[in-house]
Amino acid sequence: MNRNEFLAALDEMLELDPGTLKGGETLDGIDSWDSLAVISFIALVDEKFNTVVAGEDLAKAKTVDDLLALVSDHVAA
């Protein structure tokens, strides 16, 4: 999976229009980023990459780029 495909998966997960997320957006600025979205993100990463994101690492994420950094081993530039 590449960066654009992952961003598209995040758009879909967060019920945003395709192409909305570019990477620099702050998570606090995304209306649909809530506790359910956090769980959905963990599930997405598990489903796509068969890996678990540590809760403490996810709690530190402030931007979409931070989310990408959490899966950088699995997402091609």
Protein backbone atom coordinates (compact mmCIF):
# COMPACT_ATOMS: atom_id res chain seq x y z
CA MET A 1 0.00 0.00 0.00
CA ASN A 2 1.29 3.44 -0.81
CA ARG A 3 0.70 6.77 0.92
CA ASN A 4 -2.18 7.82 -1.34
CA GLU A 5 -3.95 4.49 -0.90
CA PHE A 6 -3.59 4.73 2.87
CA LEU A 7 -4.90 8.31 2.88
CA ALA A 8 -7.85 7.13 0.75
CA ALA A 9 -8.53 4.37 3.31
CA LEU A 10 -8.46 6.99 6.08
CA ASP A 11 -10.83 9.23 4.10
CA GLU A 12 -13.24 6.32 3.78
CA MET A 13 -12.87 5.29 7.42
CA LEU A 14 -13.57 8.85 8.58
CA GLU A 15 -16.42 9.23 6.07
CA LEU A 16 -14.67 12.14 4.32
CA ASP A 17 -14.83 12.95 0.63
CA PRO A 18 -12.15 11.09 -1.35
CA GLY A 19 -8.95 13.11 -1.53
CA THR A 20 -9.73 15.19 1.55
CA LEU A 21 -6.71 14.14 3.60
CA LYS A 22 -3.26 15.18 2.44
CA GLY A 23 -1.24 14.52 5.60
CA GLY A 24 -0.76 17.83 7.38
CA GLU A 25 -4.25 18.02 8.85
CA THR A 26 -4.49 18.12 12.62
CA LEU A 27 -6.60 15.34 14.07
CA ASP A 28 -8.41 17.81 16.34
CA GLY A 29 -9.54 19.65 13.22
CA ILE A 30 -11.26 16.58 11.77
CA ASP A 31 -14.83 16.42 13.07
CA SER A 32 -15.06 12.66 12.67
CA TRP A 33 -11.83 11.98 14.61
CA ASP A 34 -13.17 10.70 17.91
CA SER A 35 -12.80 7.64 20.13
CA LEU A 36 -14.65 5.48 17.60
CA ALA A 37 -12.29 6.68 14.86
CA VAL A 38 -9.31 5.74 17.02
CA ILE A 39 -10.68 2.21 17.37
CA SER A 40 -11.40 2.12 13.64
CA PHE A 41 -7.83 3.22 12.90
CA ILE A 42 -6.45 0.42 15.08
CA ALA A 43 -8.72 -2.05 13.27
CA LEU A 44 -7.71 -0.70 9.84
CA VAL A 45 -4.02 -1.10 10.60
CA ASP A 46 -4.60 -4.59 11.97
CA GLU A 47 -6.66 -5.62 8.93
CA LYS A 48 -4.34 -4.12 6.30
CA PHE A 49 -0.95 -4.83 7.86
CA ASN A 50 -1.59 -7.48 10.52
CA THR A 51 0.06 -5.28 13.14
CA VAL A 52 -1.12 -3.56 16.30
CA VAL A 53 -0.54 0.13 16.94
CA ALA A 54 0.35 0.78 20.57
CA GLY A 55 -2.24 2.93 22.30
CA GLU A 56 0.39 5.18 23.86
CA ASP A 57 1.92 5.83 20.42
CA LEU A 58 -1.48 6.57 18.93
CA ALA A 59 -2.28 8.94 21.79
CA LYS A 60 0.77 11.03 20.83
CA ALA A 61 -0.43 11.47 17.23
CA LYS A 62 -1.52 15.03 16.50
CA THR A 63 -1.69 15.03 12.68
CA VAL A 64 -2.54 12.69 9.84
CA ASP A 65 1.21 12.57 9.09
CA ASP A 66 1.72 11.27 12.63
CA LEU A 67 -0.71 8.44 11.86
CA LEU A 68 1.24 7.69 8.70
CA ALA A 69 4.47 7.62 10.71
CA LEU A 70 2.96 4.90 12.91
CA VAL A 71 2.64 2.63 9.87
CA SER A 72 5.62 3.86 7.89
CA ASP A 73 7.12 0.37 7.78
CA HIS A 74 4.07 -0.74 5.79
CA VAL A 75 3.22 2.28 3.66
CA ALA A 76 5.41 3.16 0.68
CA ALA A 77 6.10 6.80 -0.04
